[in-house]
Amino acid sequence: MAKHSEYERQRRAAETARVKEIEDAWQGSLPAQVKAEFGQVVKTARERGPEVRQPDMAPGTRPRPPRPGHEPKPPKEDANSRRRR
């Protein structure tokens, strides 16, 4: 958890209060029908939740091979292994 100075906490609280005031003023300026429609859209979006992350590559796409000279090292064999004879 980060520690913030008292000034920083007060500044953030004032910022949050100001944003709330601006949002309330904006919603108060909307007609009732538009406000209800907007509220319904927000509610359905929140119920839907976050979108599922798409894969980075298309299905069936092979990854790029390593550059020459940058191949992965082979697995190291343990010299103290009991299985090795």
C-alpha atoms as a PDB file:
ATOM      1  CA  MET A   1       0.000   0.000   0.000  1.00  0.00           C
ATOM      2  CA  ALA A   2       1.367   3.373  -0.954  1.00  0.00           C
ATOM      3  CA  LYS A   3       1.691   6.149   1.577  1.00  0.00           C
ATOM      4  CA  HIS A   4       0.439   9.532   0.523  1.00  0.00           C
ATOM      5  CA  SER A   5       0.857  12.824   2.300  1.00  0.00           C
ATOM      6  CA  GLU A   6      -2.123  14.458   3.937  1.00  0.00           C
ATOM      7  CA  TYR A   7      -2.008  17.179   1.275  1.00  0.00           C
ATOM      8  CA  GLU A   8      -2.189  14.537  -1.459  1.00  0.00           C
ATOM      9  CA  ARG A   9      -5.164  12.822   0.201  1.00  0.00           C
ATOM     10  CA  GLN A  10      -6.985  16.147   0.587  1.00  0.00           C
ATOM     11  CA  ARG A  11      -6.249  17.073  -3.011  1.00  0.00           C
ATOM     12  CA  ARG A  12      -7.597  13.745  -4.267  1.00  0.00           C
ATOM     13  CA  ALA A  13     -10.715  14.035  -2.101  1.00  0.00           C
ATOM     14  CA  ALA A  14     -11.356  17.563  -3.423  1.00  0.00           C
ATOM     15  CA  GLU A  15     -10.797  16.336  -6.980  1.00  0.00           C
ATOM     16  CA  THR A  16     -13.275  13.484  -6.491  1.00  0.00           C
ATOM     17  CA  ALA A  17     -15.864  15.837  -5.001  1.00  0.00           C
ATOM     18  CA  ARG A  18     -15.445  18.270  -7.910  1.00  0.00           C
ATOM     19  CA  VAL A  19     -15.854  15.494 -10.496  1.00  0.00           C
ATOM     20  CA  LYS A  20     -19.032  14.351  -8.701  1.00  0.00           C
ATOM     21  CA  GLU A  21     -20.383  17.917  -8.808  1.00  0.00           C
ATOM     22  CA  ILE A  22     -19.653  18.173 -12.539  1.00  0.00           C
ATOM     23  CA  GLU A  23     -21.314  14.796 -13.242  1.00  0.00           C
ATOM     24  CA  ASP A  24     -24.402  15.759 -11.221  1.00  0.00           C
ATOM     25  CA  ALA A  25     -24.658  19.105 -13.043  1.00  0.00           C
ATOM     26  CA  TRP A  26     -24.300  17.375 -16.420  1.00  0.00           C
ATOM     27  CA  GLN A  27     -26.933  14.751 -15.602  1.00  0.00           C
ATOM     28  CA  GLY A  28     -29.218  17.487 -14.272  1.00  0.00           C
ATOM     29  CA  SER A  29     -29.036  19.290 -17.615  1.00  0.00           C
ATOM     30  CA  LEU A  30     -30.228  16.226 -19.549  1.00  0.00           C
ATOM     31  CA  PRO A  31     -33.887  15.622 -20.360  1.00  0.00           C
ATOM     32  CA  ALA A  32     -35.486  12.847 -18.271  1.00  0.00           C
ATOM     33  CA  GLN A  33     -35.860  10.466 -21.221  1.00  0.00           C
ATOM     34  CA  VAL A  34     -32.223  10.824 -22.321  1.00  0.00           C
ATOM     35  CA  LYS A  35     -31.076  10.420 -18.709  1.00  0.00           C
ATOM     36  CA  ALA A  36     -33.102   7.200 -18.336  1.00  0.00           C
ATOM     37  CA  GLU A  37     -31.755   5.778 -21.616  1.00  0.00           C
ATOM     38  CA  PHE A  38     -28.193   6.624 -20.624  1.00  0.00           C
ATOM     39  CA  GLY A  39     -28.679   5.011 -17.220  1.00  0.00           C
ATOM     40  CA  GLN A  40     -30.004   1.848 -18.881  1.00  0.00           C
ATOM     41  CA  VAL A  41     -27.023   1.678 -21.256  1.00  0.00           C
ATOM     42  CA  VAL A  42     -24.592   2.095 -18.362  1.00  0.00           C
ATOM     43  CA  LYS A  43     -26.411  -0.573 -16.338  1.00  0.00           C
ATOM     44  CA  THR A  44     -26.282  -3.137 -19.163  1.00  0.00           C
ATOM     45  CA  ALA A  45     -22.593  -2.393 -19.783  1.00  0.00           C
ATOM     46  CA  ARG A  46     -21.767  -2.931 -16.096  1.00  0.00           C
ATOM     47  CA  GLU A  47     -23.765  -6.175 -16.007  1.00  0.00           C
ATOM     48  CA  ARG A  48     -21.987  -7.445 -19.111  1.00  0.00           C
ATOM     49  CA  GLY A  49     -18.595  -7.055 -17.476  1.00  0.00           C
ATOM     50  CA  PRO A  50     -15.211  -6.758 -19.176  1.00  0.00           C
ATOM     51  CA  GLU A  51     -14.674  -8.184 -22.644  1.00  0.00           C
ATOM     52  CA  VAL A  52     -12.766 -11.413 -23.044  1.00  0.00           C
ATOM     53  CA  ARG A  53      -9.215 -10.712 -24.170  1.00  0.00           C
ATOM     54  CA  GLN A  54      -8.565 -11.717 -27.738  1.00  0.00           C
ATOM     55  CA  PRO A  55      -5.554 -13.939 -28.472  1.00  0.00           C
ATOM     56  CA  ASP A  56      -2.417 -12.157 -29.587  1.00  0.00           C
ATOM     57  CA  MET A  57      -2.140 -14.219 -32.775  1.00  0.00           C
ATOM     58  CA  ALA A  58      -4.653 -15.769 -35.143  1.00  0.00           C
ATOM     59  CA  PRO A  59      -5.375 -19.472 -34.580  1.00  0.00           C
ATOM     60  CA  GLY A  60      -2.932 -21.728 -36.376  1.00  0.00           C
ATOM     61  CA  THR A  61      -0.287 -19.020 -36.706  1.00  0.00           C
ATOM     62  CA  ARG A  62       3.173 -20.314 -35.912  1.00  0.00           C
ATOM     63  CA  PRO A  63       5.328 -18.148 -33.672  1.00  0.00           C
ATOM     64  CA  ARG A  64       8.332 -16.456 -35.147  1.00  0.00           C
ATOM     65  CA  PRO A  65      11.489 -18.532 -34.917  1.00  0.00           C
ATOM     66  CA  PRO A  66      14.438 -17.152 -32.955  1.00  0.00           C
ATOM     67  CA  ARG A  67      16.986 -15.060 -34.793  1.00  0.00           C
ATOM     68  CA  PRO A  68      20.173 -16.815 -35.883  1.00  0.00           C
ATOM     69  CA  GLY A  69      22.542 -17.019 -32.951  1.00  0.00           C
ATOM     70  CA  HIS A  70      19.716 -16.529 -30.421  1.00  0.00           C
ATOM     71  CA  GLU A  71      18.436 -20.089 -30.251  1.00  0.00           C
ATOM     72  CA  PRO A  72      17.400 -21.326 -26.811  1.00  0.00           C
ATOM     73  CA  LYS A  73      19.966 -23.346 -24.887  1.00  0.00           C
ATOM     74  CA  PRO A  74      19.344 -27.093 -24.602  1.00  0.00           C
ATOM     75  CA  PRO A  75      18.190 -28.277 -21.176  1.00  0.00           C
ATOM     76  CA  LYS A  76      21.026 -28.786 -18.745  1.00  0.00           C
ATOM     77  CA  GLU A  77      21.672 -32.360 -17.647  1.00  0.00           C
ATOM     78  CA  ASP A  78      22.225 -32.728 -13.921  1.00  0.00           C
ATOM     79  CA  ALA A  79      25.608 -34.332 -13.210  1.00  0.00           C
ATOM     80  CA  ASN A  80      24.390 -35.662  -9.862  1.00  0.00           C
ATOM     81  CA  SER A  81      21.374 -37.465 -11.264  1.00  0.00           C
ATOM     82  CA  ARG A  82      20.947 -41.075 -10.020  1.00  0.00           C
ATOM     83  CA  ARG A  83      19.286 -42.144 -13.254  1.00  0.00           C
ATOM     84  CA  ARG A  84      22.394 -41.476 -15.339  1.00  0.00           C
ATOM     85  CA  ARG A  85      24.903 -44.361 -15.613  1.00  0.00           C
END
